[in-house]
Amino acid sequence: MLKKRSVWSCVRVRLTNRDSVIVSLINCATSVFGGFVIFSVLGFMSVKTGVPVKHVATDGQPVHGDAIKSAPFLTVS
């Protein structure tokens, strides 16, 4: 015999679809925000050192430590 589908199974599918869309949008927004953060740090270091952006981040030279140390908005009094 075939079982009847309950109303709750339809609701569960709709909620799952909605949740998957929300998670996908949050994932995309996080990626865009991360890109802004990375490239603004690279731009800041480029302006500070006077070196073109493509030469700021090279292999073996971490940029994040220098950027955090020299950022004017991150100073602790």
N, C-alpha and C. Protein backbone atom coordinates (compact mmCIF):
# COMPACT_ATOMS: atom_id res chain seq x y z
N MET A 1 0.82 -1.19 0.00
CA MET A 1 0.00 0.00 0.00
C MET A 1 0.86 1.25 0.00
N LEU A 2 0.36 2.24 -0.65
CA LEU A 2 1.04 3.52 -0.67
C LEU A 2 0.73 4.30 0.59
N LYS A 3 1.76 4.93 1.13
CA LYS A 3 1.54 5.76 2.31
C LYS A 3 1.15 7.16 1.87
N LYS A 4 0.32 7.79 2.65
CA LYS A 4 -0.06 9.18 2.36
C LYS A 4 1.08 10.10 2.79
N ARG A 5 1.33 11.10 1.98
CA ARG A 5 2.31 12.11 2.35
C ARG A 5 1.64 13.07 3.32
N SER A 6 2.32 13.35 4.37
CA SER A 6 1.74 14.27 5.33
C SER A 6 2.08 15.71 4.94
N VAL A 7 1.39 16.61 5.53
CA VAL A 7 1.64 18.04 5.29
C VAL A 7 3.04 18.41 5.76
N TRP A 8 3.50 17.77 6.83
CA TRP A 8 4.80 18.11 7.40
C TRP A 8 5.95 17.75 6.48
N SER A 9 5.80 16.72 5.67
CA SER A 9 6.89 16.38 4.75
C SER A 9 7.07 17.47 3.70
N CYS A 10 5.98 18.09 3.25
CA CYS A 10 6.09 19.21 2.30
C CYS A 10 6.72 20.42 2.96
N VAL A 11 6.33 20.68 4.20
CA VAL A 11 6.90 21.81 4.93
C VAL A 11 8.39 21.59 5.15
N ARG A 12 8.78 20.35 5.49
CA ARG A 12 10.18 20.04 5.72
C ARG A 12 11.01 20.27 4.45
N VAL A 13 10.48 19.91 3.30
CA VAL A 13 11.19 20.12 2.03
C VAL A 13 11.35 21.60 1.76
N ARG A 14 10.30 22.40 2.00
CA ARG A 14 10.40 23.84 1.78
C ARG A 14 11.41 24.48 2.70
N LEU A 15 11.43 24.06 3.97
CA LEU A 15 12.39 24.62 4.91
C LEU A 15 13.81 24.23 4.55
N THR A 16 14.01 23.02 4.08
CA THR A 16 15.33 22.58 3.66
C THR A 16 15.81 23.39 2.46
N ASN A 17 14.92 23.62 1.51
CA ASN A 17 15.29 24.43 0.34
C ASN A 17 15.63 25.86 0.76
N ARG A 18 14.82 26.43 1.65
CA ARG A 18 15.08 27.80 2.11
C ARG A 18 16.41 27.87 2.85
N ASP A 19 16.66 26.89 3.71
CA ASP A 19 17.91 26.89 4.46
C ASP A 19 19.12 26.74 3.54
N SER A 20 19.01 25.93 2.51
CA SER A 20 20.13 25.76 1.59
C SER A 20 20.41 27.04 0.81
N VAL A 21 19.37 27.77 0.46
CA VAL A 21 19.57 29.06 -0.22
C VAL A 21 20.22 30.07 0.73
N ILE A 22 19.78 30.09 1.98
CA ILE A 22 20.36 31.02 2.96
C ILE A 22 21.83 30.71 3.18
N VAL A 23 22.17 29.42 3.32
CA VAL A 23 23.57 29.04 3.53
C VAL A 23 24.41 29.41 2.31
N SER A 24 23.88 29.22 1.12
CA SER A 24 24.62 29.58 -0.10
C SER A 24 24.86 31.08 -0.18
N LEU A 25 23.85 31.87 0.17
CA LEU A 25 24.02 33.33 0.14
C LEU A 25 25.02 33.81 1.19
N ILE A 26 24.98 33.22 2.37
CA ILE A 26 25.96 33.58 3.40
C ILE A 26 27.36 33.19 2.96
N ASN A 27 27.50 32.05 2.30
CA ASN A 27 28.80 31.62 1.80
C ASN A 27 29.34 32.61 0.77
N CYS A 28 28.50 33.04 -0.14
CA CYS A 28 28.93 34.01 -1.16
C CYS A 28 29.29 35.34 -0.53
N ALA A 29 28.49 35.80 0.43
CA ALA A 29 28.77 37.08 1.09
C ALA A 29 30.08 37.01 1.87
N THR A 30 30.36 35.89 2.51
CA THR A 30 31.61 35.73 3.24
C THR A 30 32.80 35.75 2.29
N SER A 31 32.66 35.14 1.14
CA SER A 31 33.75 35.13 0.16
C SER A 31 34.02 36.54 -0.37
N VAL A 32 32.97 37.29 -0.65
CA VAL A 32 33.15 38.66 -1.14
C VAL A 32 33.78 39.53 -0.06
N PHE A 33 33.33 39.39 1.19
CA PHE A 33 33.91 40.15 2.29
C PHE A 33 35.38 39.80 2.48
N GLY A 34 35.71 38.51 2.39
CA GLY A 34 37.11 38.08 2.50
C GLY A 34 37.97 38.67 1.40
N GLY A 35 37.44 38.75 0.19
CA GLY A 35 38.18 39.36 -0.91
C GLY A 35 38.45 40.83 -0.66
N PHE A 36 37.43 41.55 -0.15
CA PHE A 36 37.64 42.96 0.19
C PHE A 36 38.72 43.12 1.26
N VAL A 37 38.70 42.26 2.25
CA VAL A 37 39.69 42.35 3.33
C VAL A 37 41.09 42.08 2.80
N ILE A 38 41.26 41.02 2.05
CA ILE A 38 42.59 40.66 1.54
C ILE A 38 43.14 41.76 0.63
N PHE A 39 42.33 42.22 -0.31
CA PHE A 39 42.85 43.20 -1.27
C PHE A 39 43.00 44.59 -0.65
N SER A 40 42.23 44.91 0.38
CA SER A 40 42.48 46.19 1.04
C SER A 40 43.75 46.14 1.87
N VAL A 41 44.07 44.99 2.45
CA VAL A 41 45.34 44.85 3.16
C VAL A 41 46.50 44.93 2.17
N LEU A 42 46.37 44.27 1.04
CA LEU A 42 47.43 44.35 0.02
C LEU A 42 47.59 45.77 -0.50
N GLY A 43 46.50 46.47 -0.72
CA GLY A 43 46.57 47.86 -1.16
C GLY A 43 47.19 48.76 -0.12
N PHE A 44 46.84 48.55 1.14
CA PHE A 44 47.42 49.32 2.24
C PHE A 44 48.93 49.12 2.31
N MET A 45 49.35 47.86 2.21
CA MET A 45 50.78 47.58 2.26
C MET A 45 51.50 48.13 1.03
N SER A 46 50.82 48.13 -0.11
CA SER A 46 51.41 48.68 -1.33
C SER A 46 51.64 50.18 -1.19
N VAL A 47 50.66 50.89 -0.66
CA VAL A 47 50.78 52.34 -0.48
C VAL A 47 51.84 52.65 0.57
N LYS A 48 51.84 51.87 1.65
CA LYS A 48 52.78 52.11 2.75
C LYS A 48 54.22 51.90 2.32
N THR A 49 54.48 50.85 1.54
CA THR A 49 55.85 50.54 1.14
C THR A 49 56.25 51.18 -0.18
N GLY A 50 55.28 51.64 -0.97
CA GLY A 50 55.59 52.23 -2.26
C GLY A 50 55.92 51.20 -3.32
N VAL A 51 55.53 49.98 -3.11
CA VAL A 51 55.80 48.89 -4.03
C VAL A 51 54.49 48.53 -4.74
N PRO A 52 54.52 48.19 -6.03
CA PRO A 52 53.29 47.77 -6.72
C PRO A 52 52.65 46.56 -6.03
N VAL A 53 51.34 46.45 -6.16
CA VAL A 53 50.58 45.40 -5.47
C VAL A 53 51.08 44.02 -5.86
N LYS A 54 51.42 43.81 -7.11
CA LYS A 54 51.85 42.47 -7.53
C LYS A 54 53.17 42.06 -6.90
N HIS A 55 53.93 43.02 -6.36
CA HIS A 55 55.19 42.69 -5.70
C HIS A 55 55.08 42.69 -4.18
N VAL A 56 53.94 43.10 -3.65
CA VAL A 56 53.79 43.14 -2.18
C VAL A 56 53.75 41.74 -1.61
N ALA A 57 52.93 40.88 -2.17
CA ALA A 57 52.81 39.51 -1.66
C ALA A 57 53.60 38.57 -2.55
N THR A 58 54.76 38.20 -2.08
CA THR A 58 55.59 37.25 -2.81
C THR A 58 55.73 35.99 -1.98
N ASP A 59 56.23 34.95 -2.58
CA ASP A 59 56.38 33.66 -1.88
C ASP A 59 57.34 33.80 -0.71
N GLY A 60 56.92 33.25 0.41
CA GLY A 60 57.79 33.20 1.58
C GLY A 60 57.78 34.43 2.45
N GLN A 61 57.08 35.48 2.07
CA GLN A 61 57.04 36.70 2.86
C GLN A 61 55.61 36.96 3.31
N PRO A 62 55.27 36.62 4.56
CA PRO A 62 53.90 36.86 5.02
C PRO A 62 53.63 38.35 5.17
N VAL A 63 52.48 38.77 4.70
CA VAL A 63 52.11 40.19 4.71
C VAL A 63 51.27 40.52 5.94
N HIS A 64 50.51 39.56 6.44
CA HIS A 64 49.52 39.87 7.47
C HIS A 64 50.14 40.39 8.76
N GLY A 65 51.29 39.91 9.15
CA GLY A 65 51.93 40.40 10.38
C GLY A 65 52.32 41.86 10.26
N ASP A 66 52.92 42.23 9.14
CA ASP A 66 53.31 43.63 8.93
C ASP A 66 52.09 44.53 8.83
N ALA A 67 51.03 44.04 8.20
CA ALA A 67 49.83 44.86 8.04
C ALA A 67 49.16 45.10 9.38
N ILE A 68 49.11 44.09 10.23
CA ILE A 68 48.47 44.26 11.53
C ILE A 68 49.29 45.19 12.42
N LYS A 69 50.61 45.06 12.36
CA LYS A 69 51.48 45.90 13.19
C LYS A 69 51.40 47.37 12.79
N SER A 70 51.25 47.63 11.50
CA SER A 70 51.34 49.02 11.02
C SER A 70 49.99 49.67 10.73
N ALA A 71 48.89 48.96 10.92
CA ALA A 71 47.58 49.55 10.65
C ALA A 71 47.25 50.59 11.71
N PRO A 72 46.93 51.82 11.30
CA PRO A 72 46.68 52.88 12.28
C PRO A 72 45.40 52.66 13.08
N PHE A 73 44.45 51.93 12.54
CA PHE A 73 43.19 51.73 13.24
C PHE A 73 43.24 50.56 14.22
N LEU A 74 44.35 49.84 14.28
CA LEU A 74 44.47 48.72 15.18
C LEU A 74 45.44 48.97 16.33
N THR A 75 45.78 50.21 16.57
CA THR A 75 46.72 50.51 17.65
C THR A 75 46.03 50.39 19.00
N VAL A 76 46.74 49.84 19.95
CA VAL A 76 46.21 49.66 21.30
C VAL A 76 46.87 50.69 22.19
N SER A 77 46.06 51.45 22.89
CA SER A 77 46.61 52.48 23.76
C SER A 77 46.74 51.98 25.18
